[in-house]
Amino acid sequence: MDTKKAQRPPMWLNGKLVPAAEAKIDFLTPALHYGMGVFEGIRCYRTPRGPAVFRLPEHMARLLSSARILGWRELPYGVHELVEACQETIRASGHEECYVRPLIWLAEGGWNLTVDAGKPYFGIAVWEWKAYLGAEAMENGVRANVSSFTRHHPNVMMTKAKITGNYPNSVLAKTESLRLGFEEAIMLDAQGLVAECTGENIFLVKEGVLLTPPDATVLEGLTRDSIIQLAREMGHEVVKQPISRDALYGADEVFVCGTAAEVVALREIDFRTIGTGRMGPLTRKLQGAYLAAVRGQLPGRDRWLTPVPPAPPGKVAATG
């Protein structure tokens, strides 16, 4: 018996909670063969007022935006319904901190390579989360290299959408980097300029100014947006501009950010030490502010958190 599977919390599937063992897809589901799905990565944190999800409505809005970009014209759920579904799934899991994965995929047709011939299915799963880039990464930073794989061109794959079929691009780059002894890969765009990492956006600090690549070819991460807002509120200048590969090497600090990674310094890129080879002062400052915000400890940022209220009296969740 697979005990890990038996212990999985229930999942939300097409409008209701079901035991994890029943949340299955058919082998011939077209999304599995053609990458026709969209998803989000979201975090629920323990806060002084109980579990709360970071920027949940914005994540759900982007999920639906990704679905429209992929081509779906009609969807059965809106932002409000999906927010409530996430809360219900987290509550049923019993986790105070977890990773949340909503997914929309093409089912019941679609073998002729069009979303119009199939039906969208919706699912939400949650699981407990560990440090994405390793337990020591938050303090010590990680080593990265510039990948030999180019980030998708925005007119080849839709780079503003979290489409499942986009991610072999990241898998190729990340696998290459890990095999070379690095922890993360930096991807250049089709023009040879810095785009983003395999699952994070990237920032560099030069003479006190925070720089990040323009929006054009990158996934505009909600963590990235949060960092930009926090930095500007602290009085730091933030500039979105084209960044060359060699600008990374000469930066005072470089860090990456994303839902899974949170905020992590890059201490070395392509065997070149960045700054002092340790987390820089601005990175540390922003990392601290971000971690305080997600845990409900940063004044004025409660609006970023959606609480997970207790279940209504008499309501019993499905069991895994």
C-alpha atoms as a PDB file:
ATOM      1  CA  MET A   1       0.000   0.000   0.000  1.00  0.00           C
ATOM      2  CA  ASP A   2       1.265   3.474  -0.887  1.00  0.00           C
ATOM      3  CA  THR A   3       1.031   5.184   2.519  1.00  0.00           C
ATOM      4  CA  LYS A   4       2.010   8.569   1.121  1.00  0.00           C
ATOM      5  CA  LYS A   5      -0.864   8.408  -1.332  1.00  0.00           C
ATOM      6  CA  ALA A   6      -3.251   7.303   1.416  1.00  0.00           C
ATOM      7  CA  GLN A   7      -2.323  10.365   3.463  1.00  0.00           C
ATOM      8  CA  ARG A   8      -2.860  12.919   0.733  1.00  0.00           C
ATOM      9  CA  PRO A   9      -5.511  15.500   1.548  1.00  0.00           C
ATOM     10  CA  PRO A  10      -8.642  15.754  -0.592  1.00  0.00           C
ATOM     11  CA  MET A  11      -8.534  17.669  -3.850  1.00  0.00           C
ATOM     12  CA  TRP A  12     -11.027  19.991  -5.449  1.00  0.00           C
ATOM     13  CA  LEU A  13     -12.154  18.685  -8.828  1.00  0.00           C
ATOM     14  CA  ASN A  14     -14.713  20.397 -11.057  1.00  0.00           C
ATOM     15  CA  GLY A  15     -16.651  21.997  -8.255  1.00  0.00           C
ATOM     16  CA  LYS A  16     -16.350  19.627  -5.303  1.00  0.00           C
ATOM     17  CA  LEU A  17     -13.854  18.055  -2.919  1.00  0.00           C
ATOM     18  CA  VAL A  18     -13.010  14.441  -3.657  1.00  0.00           C
ATOM     19  CA  PRO A  19     -10.650  11.965  -1.968  1.00  0.00           C
ATOM     20  CA  ALA A  20      -7.187  12.148  -3.486  1.00  0.00           C
ATOM     21  CA  ALA A  21      -7.448   8.556  -4.742  1.00  0.00           C
ATOM     22  CA  GLU A  22     -10.418   9.577  -6.908  1.00  0.00           C
ATOM     23  CA  ALA A  23      -8.739  12.624  -8.454  1.00  0.00           C
ATOM     24  CA  LYS A  24      -7.518  10.860 -11.564  1.00  0.00           C
ATOM     25  CA  ILE A  25      -7.293  11.649 -15.263  1.00  0.00           C
ATOM     26  CA  ASP A  26      -7.639   9.311 -18.212  1.00  0.00           C
ATOM     27  CA  PHE A  27      -4.474   8.319 -20.066  1.00  0.00           C
ATOM     28  CA  LEU A  28      -5.997   9.739 -23.254  1.00  0.00           C
ATOM     29  CA  THR A  29      -6.672  13.168 -21.777  1.00  0.00           C
ATOM     30  CA  PRO A  30      -5.340  15.519 -24.494  1.00  0.00           C
ATOM     31  CA  ALA A  31      -3.718  17.880 -21.997  1.00  0.00           C
ATOM     32  CA  LEU A  32      -1.350  15.085 -20.984  1.00  0.00           C
ATOM     33  CA  HIS A  33      -0.209  14.607 -24.583  1.00  0.00           C
ATOM     34  CA  TYR A  34      -0.132  18.183 -25.857  1.00  0.00           C
ATOM     35  CA  GLY A  35       0.593  20.345 -22.817  1.00  0.00           C
ATOM     36  CA  MET A  36      -2.801  22.045 -23.048  1.00  0.00           C
ATOM     37  CA  GLY A  37      -3.254  23.316 -19.528  1.00  0.00           C
ATOM     38  CA  VAL A  38      -2.615  26.366 -17.367  1.00  0.00           C
ATOM     39  CA  PHE A  39      -1.736  26.549 -13.701  1.00  0.00           C
ATOM     40  CA  GLU A  40      -0.660  28.707 -10.786  1.00  0.00           C
ATOM     41  CA  GLY A  41       1.731  28.282  -7.868  1.00  0.00           C
ATOM     42  CA  ILE A  42       0.424  29.856  -4.659  1.00  0.00           C
ATOM     43  CA  ARG A  43       1.524  29.793  -1.027  1.00  0.00           C
ATOM     44  CA  CYS A  44      -0.517  29.627   2.157  1.00  0.00           C
ATOM     45  CA  TYR A  45       1.333  30.827   5.265  1.00  0.00           C
ATOM     46  CA  ARG A  46       0.831  30.595   9.000  1.00  0.00           C
ATOM     47  CA  THR A  47       0.024  34.080  10.313  1.00  0.00           C
ATOM     48  CA  PRO A  48      -0.945  35.497  13.725  1.00  0.00           C
ATOM     49  CA  ARG A  49      -4.580  35.323  12.585  1.00  0.00           C
ATOM     50  CA  GLY A  50      -4.418  31.797  11.207  1.00  0.00           C
ATOM     51  CA  PRO A  51      -3.573  30.432   7.747  1.00  0.00           C
ATOM     52  CA  ALA A  52      -3.719  32.971   4.933  1.00  0.00           C
ATOM     53  CA  VAL A  53      -2.973  32.819   1.209  1.00  0.00           C
ATOM     54  CA  PHE A  54      -0.640  35.350  -0.375  1.00  0.00           C
ATOM     55  CA  ARG A  55      -2.244  37.411  -3.162  1.00  0.00           C
ATOM     56  CA  LEU A  56      -4.843  34.739  -3.867  1.00  0.00           C
ATOM     57  CA  PRO A  57      -7.313  36.811  -5.971  1.00  0.00           C
ATOM     58  CA  GLU A  58      -4.467  38.053  -8.191  1.00  0.00           C
ATOM     59  CA  HIS A  59      -3.260  34.489  -8.729  1.00  0.00           C
ATOM     60  CA  MET A  60      -6.759  33.353  -9.675  1.00  0.00           C
ATOM     61  CA  ALA A  61      -7.145  36.283 -12.048  1.00  0.00           C
ATOM     62  CA  ARG A  62      -3.872  35.335 -13.731  1.00  0.00           C
ATOM     63  CA  LEU A  63      -4.974  31.702 -13.964  1.00  0.00           C
ATOM     64  CA  LEU A  64      -8.075  32.751 -15.894  1.00  0.00           C
ATOM     65  CA  SER A  65      -6.028  35.168 -17.990  1.00  0.00           C
ATOM     66  CA  SER A  66      -3.675  32.303 -18.899  1.00  0.00           C
ATOM     67  CA  ALA A  67      -6.673  30.205 -19.929  1.00  0.00           C
ATOM     68  CA  ARG A  68      -7.940  32.988 -22.194  1.00  0.00           C
ATOM     69  CA  ILE A  69      -4.478  33.461 -23.693  1.00  0.00           C
ATOM     70  CA  LEU A  70      -4.338  29.734 -24.448  1.00  0.00           C
ATOM     71  CA  GLY A  71      -7.630  30.109 -26.271  1.00  0.00           C
ATOM     72  CA  TRP A  72     -10.545  29.158 -24.042  1.00  0.00           C
ATOM     73  CA  ARG A  73     -13.468  31.501 -24.620  1.00  0.00           C
ATOM     74  CA  GLU A  74     -15.884  30.248 -21.958  1.00  0.00           C
ATOM     75  CA  LEU A  75     -15.005  28.998 -18.481  1.00  0.00           C
ATOM     76  CA  PRO A  76     -17.416  27.770 -15.798  1.00  0.00           C
ATOM     77  CA  TYR A  77     -15.767  29.510 -12.826  1.00  0.00           C
ATOM     78  CA  GLY A  78     -14.715  33.046 -12.030  1.00  0.00           C
ATOM     79  CA  VAL A  79     -12.172  34.511  -9.618  1.00  0.00           C
ATOM     80  CA  HIS A  80     -14.556  34.516  -6.641  1.00  0.00           C
ATOM     81  CA  GLU A  81     -15.527  30.854  -7.050  1.00  0.00           C
ATOM     82  CA  LEU A  82     -11.880  29.795  -7.427  1.00  0.00           C
ATOM     83  CA  VAL A  83     -10.788  31.774  -4.380  1.00  0.00           C
ATOM     84  CA  GLU A  84     -13.447  29.987  -2.329  1.00  0.00           C
ATOM     85  CA  ALA A  85     -12.386  26.639  -3.820  1.00  0.00           C
ATOM     86  CA  CYS A  86      -8.785  27.230  -2.753  1.00  0.00           C
ATOM     87  CA  GLN A  87      -9.888  28.140   0.760  1.00  0.00           C
ATOM     88  CA  GLU A  88     -12.040  25.012   0.931  1.00  0.00           C
ATOM     89  CA  THR A  89      -9.203  22.767  -0.248  1.00  0.00           C
ATOM     90  CA  ILE A  90      -6.683  24.233   2.201  1.00  0.00           C
ATOM     91  CA  ARG A  91      -9.165  23.981   5.049  1.00  0.00           C
ATOM     92  CA  ALA A  92      -9.870  20.322   4.247  1.00  0.00           C
ATOM     93  CA  SER A  93      -6.144  19.542   4.223  1.00  0.00           C
ATOM     94  CA  GLY A  94      -5.619  20.725   7.781  1.00  0.00           C
ATOM     95  CA  HIS A  95      -2.361  22.420   6.773  1.00  0.00           C
ATOM     96  CA  GLU A  96      -1.490  25.805   8.211  1.00  0.00           C
ATOM     97  CA  GLU A  97       1.260  26.249   5.608  1.00  0.00           C
ATOM     98  CA  CYS A  98       1.159  24.702   2.175  1.00  0.00           C
ATOM     99  CA  TYR A  99       1.677  25.099  -1.537  1.00  0.00           C
ATOM    100  CA  VAL A 100      -1.478  25.444  -3.625  1.00  0.00           C
ATOM    101  CA  ARG A 101      -1.677  24.194  -7.214  1.00  0.00           C
ATOM    102  CA  PRO A 102      -4.766  25.121  -9.276  1.00  0.00           C
ATOM    103  CA  LEU A 103      -4.833  23.630 -12.761  1.00  0.00           C
ATOM    104  CA  ILE A 104      -7.127  23.969 -15.759  1.00  0.00           C
ATOM    105  CA  TRP A 105      -6.610  21.338 -18.439  1.00  0.00           C
ATOM    106  CA  LEU A 106      -8.114  20.228 -21.734  1.00  0.00           C
ATOM    107  CA  ALA A 107     -10.275  17.128 -21.346  1.00  0.00           C
ATOM    108  CA  GLU A 108     -13.078  15.290 -23.180  1.00  0.00           C
ATOM    109  CA  GLY A 109     -11.828  16.000 -26.677  1.00  0.00           C
ATOM    110  CA  GLY A 110      -9.209  18.174 -28.266  1.00  0.00           C
ATOM    111  CA  TRP A 111      -7.364  15.580 -30.312  1.00  0.00           C
ATOM    112  CA  ASN A 112      -7.553  17.836 -33.356  1.00  0.00           C
ATOM    113  CA  LEU A 113      -5.213  20.330 -31.626  1.00  0.00           C
ATOM    114  CA  THR A 114      -7.771  22.967 -30.742  1.00  0.00           C
ATOM    115  CA  VAL A 115      -9.204  23.959 -27.395  1.00  0.00           C
ATOM    116  CA  ASP A 116     -12.593  24.455 -29.043  1.00  0.00           C
ATOM    117  CA  ALA A 117     -13.076  20.697 -29.423  1.00  0.00           C
ATOM    118  CA  GLY A 118     -12.532  19.848 -25.756  1.00  0.00           C
ATOM    119  CA  LYS A 119     -13.839  20.712 -22.318  1.00  0.00           C
ATOM    120  CA  PRO A 120     -11.828  22.488 -19.603  1.00  0.00           C
ATOM    121  CA  TYR A 121     -11.498  20.644 -16.301  1.00  0.00           C
ATOM    122  CA  PHE A 122     -10.527  22.387 -13.064  1.00  0.00           C
ATOM    123  CA  GLY A 123      -8.540  20.966 -10.165  1.00  0.00           C
ATOM    124  CA  ILE A 124      -6.857  22.237  -6.999  1.00  0.00           C
ATOM    125  CA  ALA A 125      -4.371  20.330  -4.860  1.00  0.00           C
ATOM    126  CA  VAL A 126      -2.334  21.364  -1.830  1.00  0.00           C
ATOM    127  CA  TRP A 127       0.738  19.916  -0.171  1.00  0.00           C
ATOM    128  CA  GLU A 128       3.248  20.842   2.489  1.00  0.00           C
ATOM    129  CA  TRP A 129       6.204  22.720   1.070  1.00  0.00           C
ATOM    130  CA  LYS A 130       9.942  22.630   1.693  1.00  0.00           C
ATOM    131  CA  ALA A 131      12.651  25.109   0.674  1.00  0.00           C
ATOM    132  CA  TYR A 132      12.582  25.143  -3.144  1.00  0.00           C
ATOM    133  CA  LEU A 133      16.275  25.934  -3.681  1.00  0.00           C
ATOM    134  CA  GLY A 134      17.508  24.118  -0.582  1.00  0.00           C
ATOM    135  CA  ALA A 135      17.400  24.725   3.154  1.00  0.00           C
ATOM    136  CA  GLU A 136      20.509  26.936   3.201  1.00  0.00           C
ATOM    137  CA  ALA A 137      19.642  29.027   0.141  1.00  0.00           C
ATOM    138  CA  MET A 138      17.714  31.707   2.025  1.00  0.00           C
ATOM    139  CA  GLU A 139      20.782  32.722   4.015  1.00  0.00           C
ATOM    140  CA  ASN A 140      23.724  31.709   1.849  1.00  0.00           C
ATOM    141  CA  GLY A 141      22.361  32.225  -1.655  1.00  0.00           C
ATOM    142  CA  VAL A 142      22.920  29.850  -4.570  1.00  0.00           C
ATOM    143  CA  ARG A 143      25.181  29.414  -7.588  1.00  0.00           C
ATOM    144  CA  ALA A 144      23.726  29.889 -11.084  1.00  0.00           C
ATOM    145  CA  ASN A 145      24.825  29.783 -14.687  1.00  0.00           C
ATOM    146  CA  VAL A 146      23.563  31.293 -17.903  1.00  0.00           C
ATOM    147  CA  SER A 147      21.756  28.478 -19.686  1.00  0.00           C
ATOM    148  CA  SER A 148      22.507  27.316 -23.196  1.00  0.00           C
ATOM    149  CA  PHE A 149      18.714  27.179 -23.679  1.00  0.00           C
ATOM    150  CA  THR A 150      16.949  30.376 -24.764  1.00  0.00           C
ATOM    151  CA  ARG A 151      13.785  31.627 -23.070  1.00  0.00           C
ATOM    152  CA  HIS A 152      10.706  31.251 -25.288  1.00  0.00           C
ATOM    153  CA  HIS A 153      10.155  33.959 -27.885  1.00  0.00           C
ATOM    154  CA  PRO A 154       6.847  35.726 -27.036  1.00  0.00           C
ATOM    155  CA  ASN A 155       5.409  34.974 -30.467  1.00  0.00           C
ATOM    156  CA  VAL A 156       6.379  31.310 -30.311  1.00  0.00           C
ATOM    157  CA  MET A 157       4.954  30.467 -26.889  1.00  0.00           C
ATOM    158  CA  MET A 158       2.781  32.876 -24.959  1.00  0.00           C
ATOM    159  CA  THR A 159       5.177  34.049 -22.253  1.00  0.00           C
ATOM    160  CA  LYS A 160       2.535  35.942 -20.237  1.00  0.00           C
ATOM    161  CA  ALA A 161       0.651  32.731 -19.475  1.00  0.00           C
ATOM    162  CA  LYS A 162       1.579  29.871 -17.152  1.00  0.00           C
ATOM    163  CA  ILE A 163       0.908  27.196 -19.764  1.00  0.00           C
ATOM    164  CA  THR A 164       1.952  23.663 -18.850  1.00  0.00           C
ATOM    165  CA  GLY A 165       3.444  23.114 -22.298  1.00  0.00           C
ATOM    166  CA  ASN A 166       5.830  26.049 -21.785  1.00  0.00           C
ATOM    167  CA  TYR A 167       7.709  24.356 -18.998  1.00  0.00           C
ATOM    168  CA  PRO A 168       9.921  21.844 -20.849  1.00  0.00           C
ATOM    169  CA  ASN A 169      11.905  24.994 -21.673  1.00  0.00           C
ATOM    170  CA  SER A 170      12.566  25.445 -17.950  1.00  0.00           C
ATOM    171  CA  VAL A 171      13.091  21.727 -17.350  1.00  0.00           C
ATOM    172  CA  LEU A 172      15.807  21.557 -20.016  1.00  0.00           C
ATOM    173  CA  ALA A 173      17.613  24.559 -18.566  1.00  0.00           C
ATOM    174  CA  LYS A 174      17.305  23.504 -14.920  1.00  0.00           C
ATOM    175  CA  THR A 175      18.388  19.922 -15.604  1.00  0.00           C
ATOM    176  CA  GLU A 176      21.442  21.147 -17.501  1.00  0.00           C
ATOM    177  CA  SER A 177      22.405  23.499 -14.663  1.00  0.00           C
ATOM    178  CA  LEU A 178      22.015  20.895 -11.933  1.00  0.00           C
ATOM    179  CA  ARG A 179      24.117  18.421 -13.910  1.00  0.00           C
ATOM    180  CA  LEU A 180      26.814  21.088 -14.243  1.00  0.00           C
ATOM    181  CA  GLY A 181      26.858  21.603 -10.482  1.00  0.00           C
ATOM    182  CA  PHE A 182      24.779  24.798 -10.210  1.00  0.00           C
ATOM    183  CA  GLU A 183      21.491  25.286  -8.375  1.00  0.00           C
ATOM    184  CA  GLU A 184      19.669  27.508 -10.885  1.00  0.00           C
ATOM    185  CA  ALA A 185      19.742  28.616 -14.527  1.00  0.00           C
ATOM    186  CA  ILE A 186      19.462  32.131 -15.923  1.00  0.00           C
ATOM    187  CA  MET A 187      17.770  32.256 -19.319  1.00  0.00           C
ATOM    188  CA  LEU A 188      18.381  34.824 -22.029  1.00  0.00           C
ATOM    189  CA  ASP A 189      15.691  35.959 -24.449  1.00  0.00           C
ATOM    190  CA  ALA A 190      15.818  35.609 -28.235  1.00  0.00           C
ATOM    191  CA  GLN A 191      17.876  38.836 -28.462  1.00  0.00           C
ATOM    192  CA  GLY A 192      20.489  37.561 -26.010  1.00  0.00           C
ATOM    193  CA  LEU A 193      19.347  39.732 -23.100  1.00  0.00           C
ATOM    194  CA  VAL A 194      18.563  38.520 -19.590  1.00  0.00           C
ATOM    195  CA  ALA A 195      14.959  37.307 -19.267  1.00  0.00           C
ATOM    196  CA  GLU A 196      14.371  35.249 -16.123  1.00  0.00           C
ATOM    197  CA  CYS A 197      15.287  32.008 -14.399  1.00  0.00           C
ATOM    198  CA  THR A 198      13.562  28.657 -14.758  1.00  0.00           C
ATOM    199  CA  GLY A 199      10.967  29.420 -12.100  1.00  0.00           C
ATOM    200  CA  GLU A 200      11.834  32.888 -10.819  1.00  0.00           C
ATOM    201  CA  ASN A 201      12.195  36.485 -11.917  1.00  0.00           C
ATOM    202  CA  ILE A 202      15.589  38.133 -11.521  1.00  0.00           C
ATOM    203  CA  PHE A 203      16.837  41.456 -10.114  1.00  0.00           C
ATOM    204  CA  LEU A 204      20.250  43.034  -9.865  1.00  0.00           C
ATOM    205  CA  VAL A 205      21.500  45.910  -7.744  1.00  0.00           C
ATOM    206  CA  LYS A 206      23.980  48.412  -9.144  1.00  0.00           C
ATOM    207  CA  GLU A 207      25.038  51.486  -7.191  1.00  0.00           C
ATOM    208  CA  GLY A 208      21.896  51.370  -5.078  1.00  0.00           C
ATOM    209  CA  VAL A 209      19.454  51.062  -7.999  1.00  0.00           C
ATOM    210  CA  LEU A 210      17.306  47.955  -8.366  1.00  0.00           C
ATOM    211  CA  LEU A 211      17.183  46.725 -11.982  1.00  0.00           C
ATOM    212  CA  THR A 212      15.003  44.045 -13.546  1.00  0.00           C
ATOM    213  CA  PRO A 213      14.314  43.042 -17.166  1.00  0.00           C
ATOM    214  CA  PRO A 214      11.354  44.696 -18.940  1.00  0.00           C
ATOM    215  CA  ASP A 215       7.935  43.048 -18.941  1.00  0.00           C
ATOM    216  CA  ALA A 216       7.948  42.188 -22.646  1.00  0.00           C
ATOM    217  CA  THR A 217       9.293  38.616 -22.605  1.00  0.00           C
ATOM    218  CA  VAL A 218       8.966  37.570 -18.965  1.00  0.00           C
ATOM    219  CA  LEU A 219       6.186  36.110 -16.870  1.00  0.00           C
ATOM    220  CA  GLU A 220       5.210  39.070 -14.704  1.00  0.00           C
ATOM    221  CA  GLY A 221       5.448  37.320 -11.370  1.00  0.00           C
ATOM    222  CA  LEU A 222       3.332  38.424  -8.446  1.00  0.00           C
ATOM    223  CA  THR A 223       6.363  38.027  -6.181  1.00  0.00           C
ATOM    224  CA  ARG A 224       8.271  40.302  -8.583  1.00  0.00           C
ATOM    225  CA  ASP A 225       5.476  42.845  -8.389  1.00  0.00           C
ATOM    226  CA  SER A 226       5.481  42.611  -4.602  1.00  0.00           C
ATOM    227  CA  ILE A 227       9.250  43.212  -4.454  1.00  0.00           C
ATOM    228  CA  ILE A 228       8.947  46.235  -6.733  1.00  0.00           C
ATOM    229  CA  GLN A 229       6.207  47.724  -4.556  1.00  0.00           C
ATOM    230  CA  LEU A 230       8.120  47.076  -1.339  1.00  0.00           C
ATOM    231  CA  ALA A 231      11.360  48.509  -2.710  1.00  0.00           C
ATOM    232  CA  ARG A 232       9.700  51.703  -3.920  1.00  0.00           C
ATOM    233  CA  GLU A 233       7.916  52.161  -0.607  1.00  0.00           C
ATOM    234  CA  MET A 234      11.316  51.928   1.086  1.00  0.00           C
ATOM    235  CA  GLY A 235      12.574  54.727  -1.147  1.00  0.00           C
ATOM    236  CA  HIS A 236      14.655  52.644  -3.539  1.00  0.00           C
ATOM    237  CA  GLU A 237      14.694  53.373  -7.256  1.00  0.00           C
ATOM    238  CA  VAL A 238      13.442  50.464  -9.379  1.00  0.00           C
ATOM    239  CA  VAL A 239      14.095  50.441 -13.125  1.00  0.00           C
ATOM    240  CA  LYS A 240      12.827  47.965 -15.706  1.00  0.00           C
ATOM    241  CA  GLN A 241      15.382  47.954 -18.522  1.00  0.00           C
ATOM    242  CA  PRO A 242      17.212  45.593 -20.897  1.00  0.00           C
ATOM    243  CA  ILE A 243      20.017  43.803 -19.056  1.00  0.00           C
ATOM    244  CA  SER A 244      22.994  42.218 -20.760  1.00  0.00           C
ATOM    245  CA  ARG A 245      24.636  39.045 -19.543  1.00  0.00           C
ATOM    246  CA  ASP A 246      27.821  40.844 -18.538  1.00  0.00           C
ATOM    247  CA  ALA A 247      25.826  43.323 -16.442  1.00  0.00           C
ATOM    248  CA  LEU A 248      25.049  40.407 -14.131  1.00  0.00           C
ATOM    249  CA  TYR A 249      28.730  39.741 -13.574  1.00  0.00           C
ATOM    250  CA  GLY A 250      29.411  43.370 -12.614  1.00  0.00           C
ATOM    251  CA  ALA A 251      26.394  43.785 -10.334  1.00  0.00           C
ATOM    252  CA  ASP A 252      26.746  44.576  -6.648  1.00  0.00           C
ATOM    253  CA  GLU A 253      23.971  42.103  -5.850  1.00  0.00           C
ATOM    254  CA  VAL A 254      21.779  39.688  -7.816  1.00  0.00           C
ATOM    255  CA  PHE A 255      18.727  37.882  -6.475  1.00  0.00           C
ATOM    256  CA  VAL A 256      15.801  35.866  -7.762  1.00  0.00           C
ATOM    257  CA  CYS A 257      12.235  35.743  -6.513  1.00  0.00           C
ATOM    258  CA  GLY A 258       9.152  33.635  -7.007  1.00  0.00           C
ATOM    259  CA  THR A 259       6.325  31.975  -5.122  1.00  0.00           C
ATOM    260  CA  ALA A 260       8.325  28.796  -4.516  1.00  0.00           C
ATOM    261  CA  ALA A 261      11.796  30.309  -4.043  1.00  0.00           C
ATOM    262  CA  GLU A 262      10.602  33.474  -2.237  1.00  0.00           C
ATOM    263  CA  VAL A 263      13.696  35.780  -2.279  1.00  0.00           C
ATOM    264  CA  VAL A 264      17.126  34.183  -2.743  1.00  0.00           C
ATOM    265  CA  ALA A 265      20.501  35.755  -3.527  1.00  0.00           C
ATOM    266  CA  LEU A 266      22.749  34.549  -6.344  1.00  0.00           C
ATOM    267  CA  ARG A 267      26.230  34.513  -4.877  1.00  0.00           C
ATOM    268  CA  GLU A 268      27.934  33.272  -8.032  1.00  0.00           C
ATOM    269  CA  ILE A 269      27.111  33.297 -11.748  1.00  0.00           C
ATOM    270  CA  ASP A 270      29.170  31.413 -14.340  1.00  0.00           C
ATOM    271  CA  PHE A 271      31.994  30.923 -11.807  1.00  0.00           C
ATOM    272  CA  ARG A 272      32.115  34.675 -11.145  1.00  0.00           C
ATOM    273  CA  THR A 273      31.558  35.882  -7.585  1.00  0.00           C
ATOM    274  CA  ILE A 274      28.754  38.436  -7.329  1.00  0.00           C
ATOM    275  CA  GLY A 275      29.576  41.336  -5.026  1.00  0.00           C
ATOM    276  CA  THR A 276      31.083  39.979  -1.817  1.00  0.00           C
ATOM    277  CA  GLY A 277      29.894  36.447  -2.557  1.00  0.00           C
ATOM    278  CA  ARG A 278      27.243  36.743   0.154  1.00  0.00           C
ATOM    279  CA  MET A 279      23.698  38.074   0.332  1.00  0.00           C
ATOM    280  CA  GLY A 280      23.876  41.844  -0.148  1.00  0.00           C
ATOM    281  CA  PRO A 281      22.243  44.435   2.120  1.00  0.00           C
ATOM    282  CA  LEU A 282      19.384  45.377  -0.213  1.00  0.00           C
ATOM    283  CA  THR A 283      18.590  41.735  -0.947  1.00  0.00           C
ATOM    284  CA  ARG A 284      18.519  41.021   2.779  1.00  0.00           C
ATOM    285  CA  LYS A 285      16.275  44.019   3.408  1.00  0.00           C
ATOM    286  CA  LEU A 286      13.798  43.014   0.708  1.00  0.00           C
ATOM    287  CA  GLN A 287      13.879  39.359   1.716  1.00  0.00           C
ATOM    288  CA  GLY A 288      13.001  40.326   5.284  1.00  0.00           C
ATOM    289  CA  ALA A 289      10.183  42.629   4.212  1.00  0.00           C
ATOM    290  CA  TYR A 290       8.729  40.006   1.862  1.00  0.00           C
ATOM    291  CA  LEU A 291       8.825  37.228   4.468  1.00  0.00           C
ATOM    292  CA  ALA A 292       7.186  39.547   6.982  1.00  0.00           C
ATOM    293  CA  ALA A 293       4.472  40.467   4.466  1.00  0.00           C
ATOM    294  CA  VAL A 294       3.547  36.872   3.613  1.00  0.00           C
ATOM    295  CA  ARG A 295       3.271  36.007   7.304  1.00  0.00           C
ATOM    296  CA  GLY A 296       1.068  38.958   8.188  1.00  0.00           C
ATOM    297  CA  GLN A 297       3.808  40.759  10.107  1.00  0.00           C
ATOM    298  CA  LEU A 298       4.335  43.783   7.855  1.00  0.00           C
ATOM    299  CA  PRO A 299       2.075  46.748   8.684  1.00  0.00           C
ATOM    300  CA  GLY A 300      -0.070  47.910   5.788  1.00  0.00           C
ATOM    301  CA  ARG A 301       0.178  44.678   3.809  1.00  0.00           C
ATOM    302  CA  ASP A 302      -2.794  42.763   5.188  1.00  0.00           C
ATOM    303  CA  ARG A 303      -4.579  43.346   1.892  1.00  0.00           C
ATOM    304  CA  TRP A 304      -2.162  40.888   0.270  1.00  0.00           C
ATOM    305  CA  LEU A 305      -3.456  38.074   2.477  1.00  0.00           C
ATOM    306  CA  THR A 306      -6.679  36.107   2.083  1.00  0.00           C
ATOM    307  CA  PRO A 307      -7.522  34.230   5.307  1.00  0.00           C
ATOM    308  CA  VAL A 308      -8.698  30.646   5.332  1.00  0.00           C
ATOM    309  CA  PRO A 309     -11.709  30.734   7.700  1.00  0.00           C
ATOM    310  CA  PRO A 310     -12.878  27.711   9.687  1.00  0.00           C
ATOM    311  CA  ALA A 311     -15.409  25.394   8.075  1.00  0.00           C
ATOM    312  CA  PRO A 312     -19.062  26.354   8.556  1.00  0.00           C
ATOM    313  CA  PRO A 313     -20.754  24.406  11.392  1.00  0.00           C
ATOM    314  CA  GLY A 314     -21.886  20.966  10.352  1.00  0.00           C
ATOM    315  CA  LYS A 315     -19.895  20.838   7.113  1.00  0.00           C
ATOM    316  CA  VAL A 316     -17.696  17.755   6.760  1.00  0.00           C
ATOM    317  CA  ALA A 317     -14.883  17.681   4.203  1.00  0.00           C
ATOM    318  CA  ALA A 318     -14.048  14.759   1.953  1.00  0.00           C
ATOM    319  CA  THR A 319     -11.216  12.574   3.221  1.00  0.00           C
ATOM    320  CA  GLY A 320      -8.145  11.420   1.385  1.00  0.00           C
END
